[in-house]
Amino acid sequence: MPYKGIYAICDAANEYAEIIEHSNCYSGASWSLYHYAKAPLVLKARSTGNMIRYFMKTGTSELELKPSVAAAGIESVIVQGDEVEITYAGLGGGGVGATRCRAFADGILRYRISESGGEKCARGTITVPRRNRVLIGIDDTDSKEIGATWTLTHNIAKELDCQEAVYLSHALVQLFPVPEKTQNCMSTVLEFGCVDENAKSRLVDNFKKALKKYTASSQTGMVVLSDFYAKGLYKYSNRCRTERISKAEALQCAIENGVEVLLDGNGVIGALASLPWFGRPEESIISGTEIKPLAMDKTKSNI
């Protein structure tokens, strides 16, 4: 049962990576989440629908595989130029999943796998493109009569999804209900994994063109950030969910945090506030919830 895709997002220094596995079988992915989260390199693991996300330290570790308790895991994540090698190991059926199911996922560049099945301890190494995280924040594309920002942005993202710029997540972000709101006062953040700067440029240019073509509002805001965290925007985003923020404040915050402003209508206020919420669609819709860092520290976090 091949995975739909496996992606490696790295920080600028290649010290940390987020391995994102897009599964065809959620129950199997949940089993992996339970066991893989115990691997020494994994700092935090969580699921977003049928995507399992492992925040990891790069490098190599030794797995202590035990049936039923820790039957499989990620043994190493090695960054080599524009490629990432991920080595999995597992016992029995876990070994089959760790090797064959992942080796035949979409987008895998190369793989090598050992014999698996029965009571064997199996190992498999897949090579995938190294990717940078690209976040696109959007707000105010609709009117009282037509449109919805979350649907328009999702449809554009699906059309632009490709191996060079893979569409990873979509989150609706509840904002403070200002009088200018269309209805529910929500913005949207989209997350992509891009293999290089050229892929990012094509993605951003095409997204902007589509947005300008299909938006039903003259106040559309679109911002872009290439960052592993977006942590510099936590304070601003939390404020935007509990109080009114001016456009001038939003533009200044964008400058201070290296955010590109592509469309600068009033929607830029909410578009900027959406960026830190990538990959957190269940939290982002709750009014007033504060965003807290998914810290890459040396201590394991609760799942």
C-alpha atoms as a PDB file:
ATOM      1  CA  MET A   1       0.000   0.000   0.000  1.00  0.00           C
ATOM      2  CA  PRO A   2       2.223   2.866  -1.233  1.00  0.00           C
ATOM      3  CA  TYR A   3       2.078   6.222   0.502  1.00  0.00           C
ATOM      4  CA  LYS A   4       0.733   9.119  -1.545  1.00  0.00           C
ATOM      5  CA  GLY A   5       3.878  11.087  -0.878  1.00  0.00           C
ATOM      6  CA  ILE A   6       6.723  11.697   1.569  1.00  0.00           C
ATOM      7  CA  TYR A   7       8.255  15.152   1.863  1.00  0.00           C
ATOM      8  CA  ALA A   8      11.231  16.607   3.739  1.00  0.00           C
ATOM      9  CA  ILE A   9      11.094  20.271   4.798  1.00  0.00           C
ATOM     10  CA  CYS A  10      14.408  21.560   6.204  1.00  0.00           C
ATOM     11  CA  ASP A  11      15.497  24.638   8.093  1.00  0.00           C
ATOM     12  CA  ALA A  12      18.154  26.933   6.631  1.00  0.00           C
ATOM     13  CA  ALA A  13      20.996  25.289   8.552  1.00  0.00           C
ATOM     14  CA  ASN A  14      19.783  21.725   7.841  1.00  0.00           C
ATOM     15  CA  GLU A  15      19.806  21.044  11.587  1.00  0.00           C
ATOM     16  CA  TYR A  16      16.109  20.238  11.707  1.00  0.00           C
ATOM     17  CA  ALA A  17      13.641  18.671   9.331  1.00  0.00           C
ATOM     18  CA  GLU A  18       9.952  18.009   9.185  1.00  0.00           C
ATOM     19  CA  ILE A  19       9.189  14.692   7.540  1.00  0.00           C
ATOM     20  CA  ILE A  20       5.626  14.781   6.239  1.00  0.00           C
ATOM     21  CA  GLU A  21       4.056  11.478   5.230  1.00  0.00           C
ATOM     22  CA  HIS A  22       0.858  11.541   3.177  1.00  0.00           C
ATOM     23  CA  SER A  23      -0.820   8.212   3.740  1.00  0.00           C
ATOM     24  CA  ASN A  24      -3.384   6.194   1.794  1.00  0.00           C
ATOM     25  CA  CYS A  25      -4.478   4.444   4.985  1.00  0.00           C
ATOM     26  CA  TYR A  26      -5.091   6.582   8.064  1.00  0.00           C
ATOM     27  CA  SER A  27      -5.206   3.687  10.522  1.00  0.00           C
ATOM     28  CA  GLY A  28      -1.816   2.459   9.328  1.00  0.00           C
ATOM     29  CA  ALA A  29      -0.435   5.983   9.583  1.00  0.00           C
ATOM     30  CA  SER A  30      -1.797   6.245  13.139  1.00  0.00           C
ATOM     31  CA  TRP A  31       0.075   3.048  14.035  1.00  0.00           C
ATOM     32  CA  SER A  32       3.247   4.581  12.615  1.00  0.00           C
ATOM     33  CA  LEU A  33       2.667   7.794  14.554  1.00  0.00           C
ATOM     34  CA  TYR A  34       2.431   5.886  17.825  1.00  0.00           C
ATOM     35  CA  HIS A  35       5.641   3.923  17.237  1.00  0.00           C
ATOM     36  CA  TYR A  36       7.736   6.431  15.269  1.00  0.00           C
ATOM     37  CA  ALA A  37       7.193   9.187  17.848  1.00  0.00           C
ATOM     38  CA  LYS A  38       9.422   7.200  20.218  1.00  0.00           C
ATOM     39  CA  ALA A  39      12.469   7.388  17.933  1.00  0.00           C
ATOM     40  CA  PRO A  40      15.355   9.421  19.450  1.00  0.00           C
ATOM     41  CA  LEU A  41      15.495  11.911  16.571  1.00  0.00           C
ATOM     42  CA  VAL A  42      11.785  12.772  16.725  1.00  0.00           C
ATOM     43  CA  LEU A  43      11.125  15.883  18.820  1.00  0.00           C
ATOM     44  CA  LYS A  44       7.389  16.115  18.180  1.00  0.00           C
ATOM     45  CA  ALA A  45       4.918  14.190  16.063  1.00  0.00           C
ATOM     46  CA  ARG A  46       1.297  14.914  15.178  1.00  0.00           C
ATOM     47  CA  SER A  47      -1.330  14.179  12.571  1.00  0.00           C
ATOM     48  CA  THR A  48      -3.251  16.547  10.337  1.00  0.00           C
ATOM     49  CA  GLY A  49      -5.885  14.422   8.669  1.00  0.00           C
ATOM     50  CA  ASN A  50      -4.090  11.658   6.806  1.00  0.00           C
ATOM     51  CA  MET A  51      -0.789  13.528   6.901  1.00  0.00           C
ATOM     52  CA  ILE A  52       1.597  12.622   9.712  1.00  0.00           C
ATOM     53  CA  ARG A  53       4.227  15.227  10.545  1.00  0.00           C
ATOM     54  CA  TYR A  54       7.478  14.396  12.342  1.00  0.00           C
ATOM     55  CA  PHE A  55       9.546  17.331  13.630  1.00  0.00           C
ATOM     56  CA  MET A  56      13.068  15.937  13.835  1.00  0.00           C
ATOM     57  CA  LYS A  57      16.697  16.600  14.518  1.00  0.00           C
ATOM     58  CA  THR A  58      18.760  15.592  11.506  1.00  0.00           C
ATOM     59  CA  GLY A  59      21.440  12.924  11.906  1.00  0.00           C
ATOM     60  CA  THR A  60      21.572   9.245  12.822  1.00  0.00           C
ATOM     61  CA  SER A  61      20.362   7.356  15.874  1.00  0.00           C
ATOM     62  CA  GLU A  62      20.004   3.803  17.127  1.00  0.00           C
ATOM     63  CA  LEU A  63      16.504   2.411  17.385  1.00  0.00           C
ATOM     64  CA  GLU A  64      15.640  -0.068  20.116  1.00  0.00           C
ATOM     65  CA  LEU A  65      12.981  -2.026  18.266  1.00  0.00           C
ATOM     66  CA  LYS A  66      10.586  -4.093  20.351  1.00  0.00           C
ATOM     67  CA  PRO A  67       7.459  -5.905  19.132  1.00  0.00           C
ATOM     68  CA  SER A  68       4.199  -4.128  20.062  1.00  0.00           C
ATOM     69  CA  VAL A  69       5.994  -1.394  22.021  1.00  0.00           C
ATOM     70  CA  ALA A  70       8.410   0.253  19.555  1.00  0.00           C
ATOM     71  CA  ALA A  71       8.134  -1.864  16.438  1.00  0.00           C
ATOM     72  CA  ALA A  72       9.350   0.657  13.854  1.00  0.00           C
ATOM     73  CA  GLY A  73      10.865   4.093  13.502  1.00  0.00           C
ATOM     74  CA  ILE A  74      12.925   6.623  11.592  1.00  0.00           C
ATOM     75  CA  GLU A  75      16.594   5.781  12.086  1.00  0.00           C
ATOM     76  CA  SER A  76      18.256   8.678  10.278  1.00  0.00           C
ATOM     77  CA  VAL A  77      17.633  11.862   8.318  1.00  0.00           C
ATOM     78  CA  ILE A  78      20.668  12.980   6.321  1.00  0.00           C
ATOM     79  CA  VAL A  79      20.706  16.148   4.209  1.00  0.00           C
ATOM     80  CA  GLN A  80      23.031  16.001   1.212  1.00  0.00           C
ATOM     81  CA  GLY A  81      22.846  19.087  -0.954  1.00  0.00           C
ATOM     82  CA  ASP A  82      19.387  19.295  -2.507  1.00  0.00           C
ATOM     83  CA  GLU A  83      18.424  15.782  -1.395  1.00  0.00           C
ATOM     84  CA  VAL A  84      17.433  14.147   1.888  1.00  0.00           C
ATOM     85  CA  GLU A  85      17.999  10.487   2.764  1.00  0.00           C
ATOM     86  CA  ILE A  86      15.521   9.020   5.252  1.00  0.00           C
ATOM     87  CA  THR A  87      16.168   5.582   6.713  1.00  0.00           C
ATOM     88  CA  TYR A  88      13.349   3.579   8.295  1.00  0.00           C
ATOM     89  CA  ALA A  89      13.511   0.311  10.218  1.00  0.00           C
ATOM     90  CA  GLY A  90      10.837  -2.032  11.487  1.00  0.00           C
ATOM     91  CA  LEU A  91       9.936  -5.493  12.668  1.00  0.00           C
ATOM     92  CA  GLY A  92       7.500  -7.842  10.932  1.00  0.00           C
ATOM     93  CA  GLY A  93       4.637  -5.990   9.289  1.00  0.00           C
ATOM     94  CA  GLY A  94       6.126  -2.759  10.560  1.00  0.00           C
ATOM     95  CA  GLY A  95       9.199  -3.536   8.496  1.00  0.00           C
ATOM     96  CA  VAL A  96       7.102  -3.944   5.355  1.00  0.00           C
ATOM     97  CA  GLY A  97       5.438  -0.586   5.987  1.00  0.00           C
ATOM     98  CA  ALA A  98       8.748   1.063   6.811  1.00  0.00           C
ATOM     99  CA  THR A  99      10.364  -0.130   3.595  1.00  0.00           C
ATOM    100  CA  ARG A 100       8.087  -1.075   0.710  1.00  0.00           C
ATOM    101  CA  CYS A 101       5.091   1.160   1.415  1.00  0.00           C
ATOM    102  CA  ARG A 102       7.332   4.210   1.616  1.00  0.00           C
ATOM    103  CA  ALA A 103       9.728   3.277  -1.174  1.00  0.00           C
ATOM    104  CA  PHE A 104       6.929   3.425  -3.747  1.00  0.00           C
ATOM    105  CA  ALA A 105       5.440   6.760  -2.679  1.00  0.00           C
ATOM    106  CA  ASP A 106       5.078   9.512  -5.264  1.00  0.00           C
ATOM    107  CA  GLY A 107       8.100  11.750  -5.656  1.00  0.00           C
ATOM    108  CA  ILE A 108      10.717   9.340  -4.304  1.00  0.00           C
ATOM    109  CA  LEU A 109      13.952   9.870  -6.201  1.00  0.00           C
ATOM    110  CA  ARG A 110      15.670   6.610  -5.231  1.00  0.00           C
ATOM    111  CA  TYR A 111      15.331   3.841  -2.685  1.00  0.00           C
ATOM    112  CA  ARG A 112      17.080   0.778  -1.330  1.00  0.00           C
ATOM    113  CA  ILE A 113      15.293  -1.767   0.807  1.00  0.00           C
ATOM    114  CA  SER A 114      16.101  -5.007   2.556  1.00  0.00           C
ATOM    115  CA  GLU A 115      13.994  -8.132   2.640  1.00  0.00           C
ATOM    116  CA  SER A 116      10.992  -7.665   4.915  1.00  0.00           C
ATOM    117  CA  GLY A 117       8.105  -9.618   6.422  1.00  0.00           C
ATOM    118  CA  GLY A 118       7.802 -12.422   8.944  1.00  0.00           C
ATOM    119  CA  GLU A 119       9.897 -11.730  12.037  1.00  0.00           C
ATOM    120  CA  LYS A 120      12.688  -9.976  10.134  1.00  0.00           C
ATOM    121  CA  CYS A 121      14.115  -6.603  11.077  1.00  0.00           C
ATOM    122  CA  ALA A 122      13.902  -4.659   7.810  1.00  0.00           C
ATOM    123  CA  ARG A 123      15.543  -1.393   6.762  1.00  0.00           C
ATOM    124  CA  GLY A 124      14.820   0.928   3.904  1.00  0.00           C
ATOM    125  CA  THR A 125      16.307   4.211   2.759  1.00  0.00           C
ATOM    126  CA  ILE A 126      14.455   6.630   0.521  1.00  0.00           C
ATOM    127  CA  THR A 127      15.894   9.729  -1.121  1.00  0.00           C
ATOM    128  CA  VAL A 128      13.567  12.701  -1.552  1.00  0.00           C
ATOM    129  CA  PRO A 129      14.077  16.318  -2.645  1.00  0.00           C
ATOM    130  CA  ARG A 130      15.080  18.767   0.068  1.00  0.00           C
ATOM    131  CA  ARG A 131      12.311  21.354   0.353  1.00  0.00           C
ATOM    132  CA  ASN A 132      11.857  24.810   1.832  1.00  0.00           C
ATOM    133  CA  ARG A 133       8.579  25.799   3.455  1.00  0.00           C
ATOM    134  CA  VAL A 134       6.665  28.515   1.592  1.00  0.00           C
ATOM    135  CA  LEU A 135       3.625  30.037   3.311  1.00  0.00           C
ATOM    136  CA  ILE A 136       0.988  32.055   1.474  1.00  0.00           C
ATOM    137  CA  GLY A 137      -1.474  34.077   3.549  1.00  0.00           C
ATOM    138  CA  ILE A 138      -4.701  35.346   1.955  1.00  0.00           C
ATOM    139  CA  ASP A 139      -7.656  37.393   3.174  1.00  0.00           C
ATOM    140  CA  ASP A 140     -10.620  39.249   1.707  1.00  0.00           C
ATOM    141  CA  THR A 141     -11.375  37.677  -1.680  1.00  0.00           C
ATOM    142  CA  ASP A 142     -15.162  37.498  -1.327  1.00  0.00           C
ATOM    143  CA  SER A 143     -18.163  39.797  -1.160  1.00  0.00           C
ATOM    144  CA  LYS A 144     -21.547  39.659   0.573  1.00  0.00           C
ATOM    145  CA  GLU A 145     -22.940  38.024  -2.562  1.00  0.00           C
ATOM    146  CA  ILE A 146     -20.299  35.614  -3.833  1.00  0.00           C
ATOM    147  CA  GLY A 147     -17.131  33.797  -2.938  1.00  0.00           C
ATOM    148  CA  ALA A 148     -15.314  32.323   0.042  1.00  0.00           C
ATOM    149  CA  THR A 149     -11.611  32.820   0.623  1.00  0.00           C
ATOM    150  CA  TRP A 150     -10.980  29.309   1.904  1.00  0.00           C
ATOM    151  CA  THR A 151     -12.528  27.636  -1.154  1.00  0.00           C
ATOM    152  CA  LEU A 152     -10.892  29.909  -3.723  1.00  0.00           C
ATOM    153  CA  THR A 153      -7.436  29.524  -2.210  1.00  0.00           C
ATOM    154  CA  HIS A 154      -7.792  25.753  -1.917  1.00  0.00           C
ATOM    155  CA  ASN A 155      -8.874  25.436  -5.544  1.00  0.00           C
ATOM    156  CA  ILE A 156      -5.956  27.564  -6.747  1.00  0.00           C
ATOM    157  CA  ALA A 157      -3.518  25.571  -4.612  1.00  0.00           C
ATOM    158  CA  LYS A 158      -4.812  22.273  -5.995  1.00  0.00           C
ATOM    159  CA  GLU A 159      -4.290  23.519  -9.553  1.00  0.00           C
ATOM    160  CA  LEU A 160      -0.722  24.647  -8.803  1.00  0.00           C
ATOM    161  CA  ASP A 161       0.240  21.533  -6.811  1.00  0.00           C
ATOM    162  CA  CYS A 162       3.206  19.748  -8.419  1.00  0.00           C
ATOM    163  CA  GLN A 163       6.342  17.856  -7.432  1.00  0.00           C
ATOM    164  CA  GLU A 164       8.447  21.049  -7.486  1.00  0.00           C
ATOM    165  CA  ALA A 165       5.982  22.940  -5.255  1.00  0.00           C
ATOM    166  CA  VAL A 166       3.848  20.437  -3.372  1.00  0.00           C
ATOM    167  CA  TYR A 167       0.676  21.640  -1.631  1.00  0.00           C
ATOM    168  CA  LEU A 168       0.964  20.491   1.994  1.00  0.00           C
ATOM    169  CA  SER A 169      -1.734  22.140   4.093  1.00  0.00           C
ATOM    170  CA  HIS A 170      -4.563  24.649   4.314  1.00  0.00           C
ATOM    171  CA  ALA A 171      -5.862  26.293   7.485  1.00  0.00           C
ATOM    172  CA  LEU A 172      -8.711  28.706   8.172  1.00  0.00           C
ATOM    173  CA  VAL A 173      -7.790  31.293  10.802  1.00  0.00           C
ATOM    174  CA  GLN A 174     -10.443  32.972  12.950  1.00  0.00           C
ATOM    175  CA  LEU A 175      -9.746  36.685  13.427  1.00  0.00           C
ATOM    176  CA  PHE A 176     -11.224  39.406  15.618  1.00  0.00           C
ATOM    177  CA  PRO A 177     -14.617  40.281  14.034  1.00  0.00           C
ATOM    178  CA  VAL A 178     -14.058  43.843  12.838  1.00  0.00           C
ATOM    179  CA  PRO A 179     -16.942  45.825  11.249  1.00  0.00           C
ATOM    180  CA  GLU A 180     -15.346  45.552   7.778  1.00  0.00           C
ATOM    181  CA  LYS A 181     -15.612  41.766   7.768  1.00  0.00           C
ATOM    182  CA  THR A 182     -17.546  40.046   4.986  1.00  0.00           C
ATOM    183  CA  GLN A 183     -19.163  37.468   7.260  1.00  0.00           C
ATOM    184  CA  ASN A 184     -17.124  35.324   9.681  1.00  0.00           C
ATOM    185  CA  CYS A 185     -13.822  37.258   9.572  1.00  0.00           C
ATOM    186  CA  MET A 186     -11.471  34.415   8.713  1.00  0.00           C
ATOM    187  CA  SER A 187      -8.245  34.367   6.720  1.00  0.00           C
ATOM    188  CA  THR A 188      -6.435  31.435   5.128  1.00  0.00           C
ATOM    189  CA  VAL A 189      -2.853  30.168   5.125  1.00  0.00           C
ATOM    190  CA  LEU A 190      -1.533  27.697   2.567  1.00  0.00           C
ATOM    191  CA  GLU A 191       1.661  25.711   3.025  1.00  0.00           C
ATOM    192  CA  PHE A 192       3.853  24.482   0.173  1.00  0.00           C
ATOM    193  CA  GLY A 193       7.159  22.616   0.035  1.00  0.00           C
ATOM    194  CA  CYS A 194       9.350  24.033  -2.749  1.00  0.00           C
ATOM    195  CA  VAL A 195      12.520  22.398  -4.067  1.00  0.00           C
ATOM    196  CA  ASP A 196      14.263  25.688  -4.952  1.00  0.00           C
ATOM    197  CA  GLU A 197      13.851  29.419  -5.435  1.00  0.00           C
ATOM    198  CA  ASN A 198      12.706  29.028  -9.045  1.00  0.00           C
ATOM    199  CA  ALA A 199       9.880  26.723  -7.973  1.00  0.00           C
ATOM    200  CA  LYS A 200       8.848  29.225  -5.318  1.00  0.00           C
ATOM    201  CA  SER A 201       8.867  32.125  -7.795  1.00  0.00           C
ATOM    202  CA  ARG A 202       6.691  30.252 -10.286  1.00  0.00           C
ATOM    203  CA  LEU A 203       4.284  29.239  -7.538  1.00  0.00           C
ATOM    204  CA  VAL A 204       3.951  32.754  -6.111  1.00  0.00           C
ATOM    205  CA  ASP A 205       3.605  34.417  -9.514  1.00  0.00           C
ATOM    206  CA  ASN A 206       0.935  31.989 -10.685  1.00  0.00           C
ATOM    207  CA  PHE A 207      -0.924  32.192  -7.375  1.00  0.00           C
ATOM    208  CA  LYS A 208      -1.007  35.975  -7.535  1.00  0.00           C
ATOM    209  CA  LYS A 209      -2.274  35.954 -11.141  1.00  0.00           C
ATOM    210  CA  ALA A 210      -5.063  33.496 -10.293  1.00  0.00           C
ATOM    211  CA  LEU A 211      -6.028  35.458  -7.192  1.00  0.00           C
ATOM    212  CA  LYS A 212      -6.259  38.739  -9.107  1.00  0.00           C
ATOM    213  CA  LYS A 213      -8.350  37.030 -11.787  1.00  0.00           C
ATOM    214  CA  TYR A 214     -10.870  35.367  -9.487  1.00  0.00           C
ATOM    215  CA  THR A 215     -11.129  37.570  -6.401  1.00  0.00           C
ATOM    216  CA  ALA A 216     -14.473  39.283  -5.836  1.00  0.00           C
ATOM    217  CA  SER A 217     -12.978  42.013  -3.652  1.00  0.00           C
ATOM    218  CA  SER A 218     -10.898  45.141  -4.233  1.00  0.00           C
ATOM    219  CA  GLN A 219      -9.293  44.749  -0.792  1.00  0.00           C
ATOM    220  CA  THR A 220      -7.563  41.377  -1.239  1.00  0.00           C
ATOM    221  CA  GLY A 221      -4.390  40.836   0.760  1.00  0.00           C
ATOM    222  CA  MET A 222      -1.698  38.303  -0.177  1.00  0.00           C
ATOM    223  CA  VAL A 223       1.571  37.757   1.698  1.00  0.00           C
ATOM    224  CA  VAL A 224       4.364  35.216   1.324  1.00  0.00           C
ATOM    225  CA  LEU A 225       6.953  33.942   3.786  1.00  0.00           C
ATOM    226  CA  SER A 226       9.690  31.359   3.285  1.00  0.00           C
ATOM    227  CA  ASP A 227      10.511  30.167   6.787  1.00  0.00           C
ATOM    228  CA  PHE A 228      10.659  26.962   8.793  1.00  0.00           C
ATOM    229  CA  TYR A 229       8.681  28.477  11.699  1.00  0.00           C
ATOM    230  CA  ALA A 230       7.073  31.926  11.151  1.00  0.00           C
ATOM    231  CA  LYS A 231       7.740  32.382  14.879  1.00  0.00           C
ATOM    232  CA  GLY A 232       8.335  36.138  14.567  1.00  0.00           C
ATOM    233  CA  LEU A 233       4.632  36.556  13.825  1.00  0.00           C
ATOM    234  CA  TYR A 234       3.184  34.812  16.882  1.00  0.00           C
ATOM    235  CA  LYS A 235       2.618  37.991  18.899  1.00  0.00           C
ATOM    236  CA  TYR A 236       1.051  39.851  15.973  1.00  0.00           C
ATOM    237  CA  SER A 237      -1.204  36.907  15.089  1.00  0.00           C
ATOM    238  CA  ASN A 238      -2.426  36.512  18.667  1.00  0.00           C
ATOM    239  CA  ARG A 239      -3.283  40.218  18.807  1.00  0.00           C
ATOM    240  CA  CYS A 240      -5.134  40.017  15.502  1.00  0.00           C
ATOM    241  CA  ARG A 241      -7.370  37.292  16.940  1.00  0.00           C
ATOM    242  CA  THR A 242      -8.359  39.376  19.973  1.00  0.00           C
ATOM    243  CA  GLU A 243      -8.307  43.041  18.884  1.00  0.00           C
ATOM    244  CA  ARG A 244      -8.450  45.340  15.890  1.00  0.00           C
ATOM    245  CA  ILE A 245      -5.129  45.908  14.100  1.00  0.00           C
ATOM    246  CA  SER A 246      -4.419  48.744  11.673  1.00  0.00           C
ATOM    247  CA  LYS A 247      -3.130  48.194   8.149  1.00  0.00           C
ATOM    248  CA  ALA A 248      -0.087  50.350   8.942  1.00  0.00           C
ATOM    249  CA  GLU A 249       0.805  48.019  11.831  1.00  0.00           C
ATOM    250  CA  ALA A 250       0.431  45.006   9.578  1.00  0.00           C
ATOM    251  CA  LEU A 251       2.694  46.415   6.873  1.00  0.00           C
ATOM    252  CA  GLN A 252       5.330  47.371   9.440  1.00  0.00           C
ATOM    253  CA  CYS A 253       5.198  43.880  10.948  1.00  0.00           C
ATOM    254  CA  ALA A 254       5.656  42.374   7.477  1.00  0.00           C
ATOM    255  CA  ILE A 255       8.771  44.470   6.882  1.00  0.00           C
ATOM    256  CA  GLU A 256      10.252  43.528  10.259  1.00  0.00           C
ATOM    257  CA  ASN A 257       9.741  39.802   9.645  1.00  0.00           C
ATOM    258  CA  GLY A 258      10.807  39.503   6.015  1.00  0.00           C
ATOM    259  CA  VAL A 259       7.299  38.866   4.698  1.00  0.00           C
ATOM    260  CA  GLU A 260       6.643  39.707   1.047  1.00  0.00           C
ATOM    261  CA  VAL A 261       3.445  41.693   0.462  1.00  0.00           C
ATOM    262  CA  LEU A 262       2.096  40.802  -2.984  1.00  0.00           C
ATOM    263  CA  LEU A 263      -1.377  42.351  -2.696  1.00  0.00           C
ATOM    264  CA  ASP A 264      -1.817  45.158  -0.174  1.00  0.00           C
ATOM    265  CA  GLY A 265      -5.543  45.625   0.245  1.00  0.00           C
ATOM    266  CA  ASN A 266      -6.981  45.737   3.762  1.00  0.00           C
ATOM    267  CA  GLY A 267      -6.965  41.939   3.682  1.00  0.00           C
ATOM    268  CA  VAL A 268      -3.217  42.101   4.289  1.00  0.00           C
ATOM    269  CA  ILE A 269      -3.992  42.468   8.021  1.00  0.00           C
ATOM    270  CA  GLY A 270      -5.595  39.037   8.288  1.00  0.00           C
ATOM    271  CA  ALA A 271      -3.360  37.468   5.649  1.00  0.00           C
ATOM    272  CA  LEU A 272      -0.298  38.244   7.768  1.00  0.00           C
ATOM    273  CA  ALA A 273      -1.976  36.918  10.917  1.00  0.00           C
ATOM    274  CA  SER A 274      -2.680  33.574   9.248  1.00  0.00           C
ATOM    275  CA  LEU A 275       0.941  32.626   8.522  1.00  0.00           C
ATOM    276  CA  PRO A 276       1.962  31.022  11.861  1.00  0.00           C
ATOM    277  CA  TRP A 277      -1.074  28.724  11.801  1.00  0.00           C
ATOM    278  CA  PHE A 278       0.073  26.526   8.923  1.00  0.00           C
ATOM    279  CA  GLY A 279      -0.622  22.856   9.548  1.00  0.00           C
ATOM    280  CA  ARG A 280      -2.886  23.622  12.543  1.00  0.00           C
ATOM    281  CA  PRO A 281      -6.408  23.655  11.078  1.00  0.00           C
ATOM    282  CA  GLU A 282      -8.100  22.324  14.208  1.00  0.00           C
ATOM    283  CA  GLU A 283      -6.618  25.030  16.451  1.00  0.00           C
ATOM    284  CA  SER A 284      -6.779  27.968  14.035  1.00  0.00           C
ATOM    285  CA  ILE A 285     -10.574  27.963  13.755  1.00  0.00           C
ATOM    286  CA  ILE A 286     -11.108  28.472  17.506  1.00  0.00           C
ATOM    287  CA  SER A 287     -11.659  32.117  18.370  1.00  0.00           C
ATOM    288  CA  GLY A 288      -9.092  33.624  20.739  1.00  0.00           C
ATOM    289  CA  THR A 289      -6.806  30.586  20.913  1.00  0.00           C
ATOM    290  CA  GLU A 290      -3.181  31.693  21.270  1.00  0.00           C
ATOM    291  CA  ILE A 291      -0.589  30.189  18.980  1.00  0.00           C
ATOM    292  CA  LYS A 292       2.330  28.620  20.800  1.00  0.00           C
ATOM    293  CA  PRO A 293       5.626  27.506  19.267  1.00  0.00           C
ATOM    294  CA  LEU A 294       6.156  23.972  18.011  1.00  0.00           C
ATOM    295  CA  ALA A 295       9.585  24.202  19.579  1.00  0.00           C
ATOM    296  CA  MET A 296      12.486  22.232  18.176  1.00  0.00           C
ATOM    297  CA  ASP A 297      14.199  21.551  21.468  1.00  0.00           C
ATOM    298  CA  LYS A 298      16.054  18.590  22.856  1.00  0.00           C
ATOM    299  CA  THR A 299      13.152  17.424  25.007  1.00  0.00           C
ATOM    300  CA  LYS A 300      10.383  15.244  23.717  1.00  0.00           C
ATOM    301  CA  SER A 301       6.969  16.901  23.675  1.00  0.00           C
ATOM    302  CA  ASN A 302       3.643  15.268  24.345  1.00  0.00           C
ATOM    303  CA  ILE A 303       1.757  14.284  21.230  1.00  0.00           C
END
